[in-house]
Amino acid sequence: MQKKAKVLVLGTFHMFEHEGLNSEKRQTEIKELVAKLAIFKPTKIAVEMVSEENVELNEKFIHYKSGSNNLEMNEIDQVGFRLGLKLGHEQIYAIDWMGEYDMHYGEVESWGRENQPELLNEIYKELHVPELTESKSIVDYYKELNDPVLINMFHKIYVNIARIGDFNNYVGMNWLSWWYKRNLILFSNLTRLIESQKERILFIVGSSHSSIVTKFLEESEVCEVVQPLSVLS
């Protein structure tokens, strides 16, 4: 018997931002992704939606399970709902939090561009976000989004945003404190889903969250973190 609950954080892209995912080819590829995730046999599926909308989310999920094919073009419906139906789950779990922030990220970037352009360039010089091209399958794109090198790059950028500003003018922290709070809440809500050592939880979340949430899980030692590439390969 496994000694600790298992948690798999799956970094995703936001499907509503992409065209053509309703095509027969892409729909088949999404179903292939779902089939791979089903091998993990998650006991619960958590998604990046604020917890206040959990009732609304599950009313929609129940409607889908009853035979409605009305899936919206987002990763919660396309991946989470399909997987939940395939595994016979009674509900999906909304665990996100948004809350209030002192400064919008765009304001931090604008301030940095005006006052510390060299530092801003240094922070973003390694930034490379893979794109979903016509020749790339959905599964292969998910493999890229969950590559440890990319995930660590995102985390490195976020940590370095704390350097934007000056003594007693912590501009980057005005936004970053909200970002860390949000991810700590994601982590804490994830752990609330663990009810036994047999739990196997899948969390579908934007890939920029992957590293920080995974680090919190690993450092807490409350569960065993499963690497997404072990399931996607």
Protein backbone atom coordinates (compact mmCIF):
# COMPACT_ATOMS: atom_id res chain seq x y z
CA MET A 1 0.00 0.00 0.00
CA GLN A 2 1.26 3.49 -0.84
CA LYS A 3 2.56 5.35 2.23
CA LYS A 4 1.40 8.82 1.19
CA ALA A 5 -1.28 10.32 -0.99
CA LYS A 6 -0.09 11.07 -4.53
CA VAL A 7 -0.57 14.46 -6.20
CA LEU A 8 0.07 15.21 -9.85
CA VAL A 9 0.22 18.88 -10.88
CA LEU A 10 -0.49 19.06 -14.62
CA GLY A 11 0.59 22.31 -16.23
CA THR A 12 -1.82 23.34 -18.97
CA PHE A 13 -2.36 26.09 -21.50
CA HIS A 14 -5.60 28.07 -21.58
CA MET A 15 -7.56 26.53 -24.43
CA PHE A 16 -9.92 29.46 -24.94
CA GLU A 17 -6.92 31.44 -26.25
CA HIS A 18 -6.46 29.04 -29.18
CA GLU A 19 -8.43 28.54 -32.37
CA GLY A 20 -9.09 25.25 -34.12
CA LEU A 21 -9.34 23.03 -31.03
CA ASN A 22 -12.86 22.01 -32.01
CA SER A 23 -11.56 20.29 -35.14
CA GLU A 24 -11.86 16.52 -35.34
CA LYS A 25 -8.06 16.17 -35.24
CA ARG A 26 -7.64 18.28 -32.09
CA GLN A 27 -10.62 16.69 -30.34
CA THR A 28 -9.11 13.26 -30.97
CA GLU A 29 -5.80 14.48 -29.53
CA ILE A 30 -7.52 15.87 -26.42
CA LYS A 31 -9.17 12.47 -25.92
CA GLU A 32 -5.72 10.86 -26.22
CA LEU A 33 -4.48 13.19 -23.46
CA VAL A 34 -7.45 12.22 -21.26
CA ALA A 35 -6.71 8.52 -21.86
CA LYS A 36 -3.11 9.02 -20.68
CA LEU A 37 -4.23 10.89 -17.55
CA ALA A 38 -6.72 8.12 -16.78
CA ILE A 39 -3.76 5.73 -16.33
CA PHE A 40 -2.86 7.75 -13.19
CA LYS A 41 -6.33 6.80 -11.85
CA PRO A 42 -6.96 10.03 -9.94
CA THR A 43 -9.46 9.76 -7.09
CA LYS A 44 -10.11 13.52 -7.30
CA ILE A 45 -9.67 16.14 -10.01
CA ALA A 46 -8.93 19.73 -8.93
CA VAL A 47 -9.08 22.68 -11.31
CA GLU A 48 -8.06 26.33 -11.56
CA MET A 49 -11.40 27.89 -10.74
CA VAL A 50 -12.18 29.98 -7.66
CA SER A 51 -13.68 27.89 -4.88
CA GLU A 52 -16.72 30.21 -4.65
CA GLU A 53 -17.83 28.81 -8.03
CA ASN A 54 -17.62 25.16 -6.98
CA VAL A 55 -21.42 24.65 -6.92
CA GLU A 56 -21.83 26.21 -10.36
CA LEU A 57 -18.94 24.12 -11.69
CA ASN A 58 -20.48 20.87 -10.49
CA GLU A 59 -23.98 21.70 -11.72
CA LYS A 60 -22.38 22.02 -15.14
CA PHE A 61 -20.42 18.76 -14.65
CA ILE A 62 -23.59 16.87 -13.63
CA HIS A 63 -25.36 18.27 -16.71
CA TYR A 64 -22.48 17.03 -18.89
CA LYS A 65 -22.57 13.58 -17.26
CA SER A 66 -26.30 13.32 -17.96
CA GLY A 67 -25.62 13.40 -21.69
CA SER A 68 -25.10 17.03 -22.66
CA ASN A 69 -22.23 17.35 -25.11
CA ASN A 70 -21.97 21.05 -24.42
CA LEU A 71 -18.28 21.29 -23.52
CA GLU A 72 -16.86 24.80 -23.59
CA MET A 73 -13.41 25.37 -25.03
CA ASN A 74 -11.39 25.41 -21.84
CA GLU A 75 -9.17 22.86 -20.11
CA ILE A 76 -11.63 22.35 -17.23
CA ASP A 77 -14.36 21.10 -19.58
CA GLN A 78 -12.24 19.51 -22.28
CA VAL A 79 -9.87 17.64 -19.95
CA GLY A 80 -11.31 17.73 -16.42
CA PHE A 81 -14.93 16.92 -17.30
CA ARG A 82 -14.01 14.25 -19.81
CA LEU A 83 -11.66 12.57 -17.36
CA GLY A 84 -14.16 12.84 -14.51
CA LEU A 85 -16.84 11.17 -16.64
CA LYS A 86 -14.44 8.45 -17.79
CA LEU A 87 -13.51 7.63 -14.18
CA GLY A 88 -17.03 7.89 -12.78
CA HIS A 89 -16.30 10.82 -10.47
CA GLU A 90 -19.19 12.47 -8.67
CA GLN A 91 -17.65 15.94 -8.65
CA ILE A 92 -14.78 18.19 -9.73
CA TYR A 93 -13.04 20.45 -7.18
CA ALA A 94 -12.59 24.20 -7.70
CA ILE A 95 -9.65 25.28 -5.50
CA ASP A 96 -8.43 28.64 -6.81
CA TRP A 97 -8.44 32.07 -5.14
CA MET A 98 -8.01 35.49 -6.73
CA GLY A 99 -8.53 38.11 -4.02
CA GLU A 100 -7.17 41.65 -4.14
CA TYR A 101 -3.71 42.76 -5.19
CA ASP A 102 -1.83 45.97 -4.42
CA MET A 103 -0.52 46.39 -7.96
CA HIS A 104 -1.34 44.72 -11.26
CA TYR A 105 1.47 42.78 -12.93
CA GLY A 106 1.33 45.09 -15.95
CA GLU A 107 2.04 48.07 -13.69
CA VAL A 108 5.14 46.33 -12.30
CA GLU A 109 6.41 45.62 -15.81
CA SER A 110 5.74 49.22 -16.93
CA TRP A 111 7.60 50.58 -13.90
CA GLY A 112 10.51 48.24 -14.58
CA ARG A 113 10.64 49.17 -18.26
CA GLU A 114 10.84 52.85 -17.35
CA ASN A 115 13.14 52.66 -14.33
CA GLN A 116 15.12 49.39 -14.53
CA PRO A 117 15.12 48.28 -18.19
CA GLU A 118 18.42 46.38 -17.88
CA LEU A 119 17.15 44.38 -14.90
CA LEU A 120 13.88 43.65 -16.70
CA ASN A 121 15.79 42.40 -19.75
CA GLU A 122 17.98 40.23 -17.52
CA ILE A 123 14.91 38.68 -15.83
CA TYR A 124 13.20 37.86 -19.12
CA LYS A 125 16.20 36.98 -21.30
CA GLU A 126 15.61 33.21 -20.96
CA LEU A 127 11.84 33.39 -21.41
CA HIS A 128 10.65 31.02 -24.09
CA VAL A 129 7.08 29.79 -24.05
CA PRO A 130 6.44 26.90 -26.46
CA GLU A 131 3.63 27.33 -28.94
CA LEU A 132 1.01 24.90 -30.20
CA THR A 133 1.79 24.56 -33.89
CA GLU A 134 -0.21 22.75 -36.57
CA SER A 135 2.27 19.88 -36.65
CA LYS A 136 2.43 19.46 -32.85
CA SER A 137 -0.04 17.17 -31.09
CA ILE A 138 -1.87 18.19 -27.90
CA VAL A 139 -0.05 15.47 -25.93
CA ASP A 140 3.34 16.63 -27.22
CA TYR A 141 2.44 20.22 -26.33
CA TYR A 142 1.57 19.15 -22.79
CA LYS A 143 4.92 17.37 -22.58
CA GLU A 144 6.66 20.65 -23.46
CA LEU A 145 4.57 22.64 -20.96
CA ASN A 146 5.48 20.16 -18.19
CA ASP A 147 9.19 19.93 -19.01
CA PRO A 148 11.09 20.61 -15.74
CA VAL A 149 13.43 23.03 -17.56
CA LEU A 150 10.50 25.24 -18.65
CA ILE A 151 8.78 25.00 -15.26
CA ASN A 152 11.97 26.02 -13.43
CA MET A 153 12.44 28.93 -15.84
CA PHE A 154 8.99 30.27 -14.91
CA HIS A 155 9.81 29.97 -11.21
CA LYS A 156 13.16 31.72 -11.64
CA ILE A 157 11.42 34.64 -13.37
CA TYR A 158 8.85 35.01 -10.60
CA VAL A 159 11.49 34.96 -7.86
CA ASN A 160 13.51 37.63 -9.67
CA ILE A 161 10.49 39.92 -10.04
CA ALA A 162 11.10 40.62 -6.32
CA ARG A 163 14.22 42.55 -7.40
CA ILE A 164 12.20 45.18 -9.29
CA GLY A 165 12.12 48.37 -7.24
CA ASP A 166 14.50 49.77 -4.66
CA PHE A 167 15.02 50.04 -0.90
CA ASN A 168 11.66 50.89 0.68
CA ASN A 169 10.00 50.83 -2.75
CA TYR A 170 9.37 47.16 -3.36
CA VAL A 171 7.53 47.44 -6.67
CA GLY A 172 7.83 43.80 -7.71
CA MET A 173 6.66 42.65 -4.30
CA ASN A 174 3.45 44.68 -4.68
CA TRP A 175 2.31 42.08 -7.19
CA LEU A 176 4.45 39.11 -6.14
CA SER A 177 3.02 38.95 -2.61
CA TRP A 178 -0.41 38.38 -4.20
CA TRP A 179 1.04 35.72 -6.56
CA TYR A 180 2.64 33.80 -3.68
CA LYS A 181 -0.51 34.09 -1.57
CA ARG A 182 -2.59 32.71 -4.42
CA ASN A 183 -0.27 29.74 -4.94
CA LEU A 184 -0.07 29.03 -1.21
CA ILE A 185 -3.87 28.93 -1.16
CA LEU A 186 -3.84 26.55 -4.16
CA PHE A 187 -1.42 24.35 -2.22
CA SER A 188 -3.43 24.46 0.99
CA ASN A 189 -6.71 23.74 -0.81
CA LEU A 190 -5.06 20.81 -2.60
CA THR A 191 -3.99 19.31 0.72
CA ARG A 192 -7.56 19.67 2.01
CA LEU A 193 -8.64 17.17 -0.63
CA ILE A 194 -6.39 14.49 0.90
CA GLU A 195 -8.62 12.28 3.05
CA SER A 196 -6.51 9.13 3.08
CA GLN A 197 -3.15 7.72 2.04
CA LYS A 198 -4.88 6.11 -0.95
CA GLU A 199 -5.77 9.49 -2.45
CA ARG A 200 -4.49 10.22 -5.96
CA ILE A 201 -5.19 13.84 -6.84
CA LEU A 202 -4.80 15.45 -10.25
CA PHE A 203 -4.57 19.25 -10.35
CA ILE A 204 -5.04 20.89 -13.76
CA VAL A 205 -3.56 24.40 -13.63
CA GLY A 206 -1.81 26.94 -15.86
CA SER A 207 1.80 25.83 -16.34
CA SER A 208 3.21 29.00 -14.77
CA HIS A 209 1.83 27.74 -11.43
CA SER A 210 3.38 24.27 -11.75
CA SER A 211 6.76 24.87 -10.17
CA ILE A 212 5.68 26.93 -7.16
CA VAL A 213 2.72 24.69 -6.23
CA THR A 214 4.88 21.58 -6.70
CA LYS A 215 7.61 23.07 -4.50
CA PHE A 216 5.11 23.79 -1.73
CA LEU A 217 3.84 20.19 -1.94
CA GLU A 218 7.36 18.74 -1.89
CA GLU A 219 8.52 20.95 0.99
CA SER A 220 5.43 20.16 3.05
CA GLU A 221 6.12 16.41 2.71
CA VAL A 222 2.37 15.90 3.02
CA CYS A 223 2.18 13.81 -0.15
CA GLU A 224 4.18 12.14 -2.89
CA VAL A 225 4.49 14.39 -5.94
CA VAL A 226 4.06 12.53 -9.23
CA GLN A 227 5.93 14.01 -12.19
CA PRO A 228 3.54 14.70 -15.10
CA LEU A 229 5.98 13.47 -17.74
CA SER A 230 5.84 9.99 -16.20
CA VAL A 231 2.14 9.92 -17.16
CA LEU A 232 2.34 11.80 -20.45
CA SER A 233 5.18 9.73 -21.94
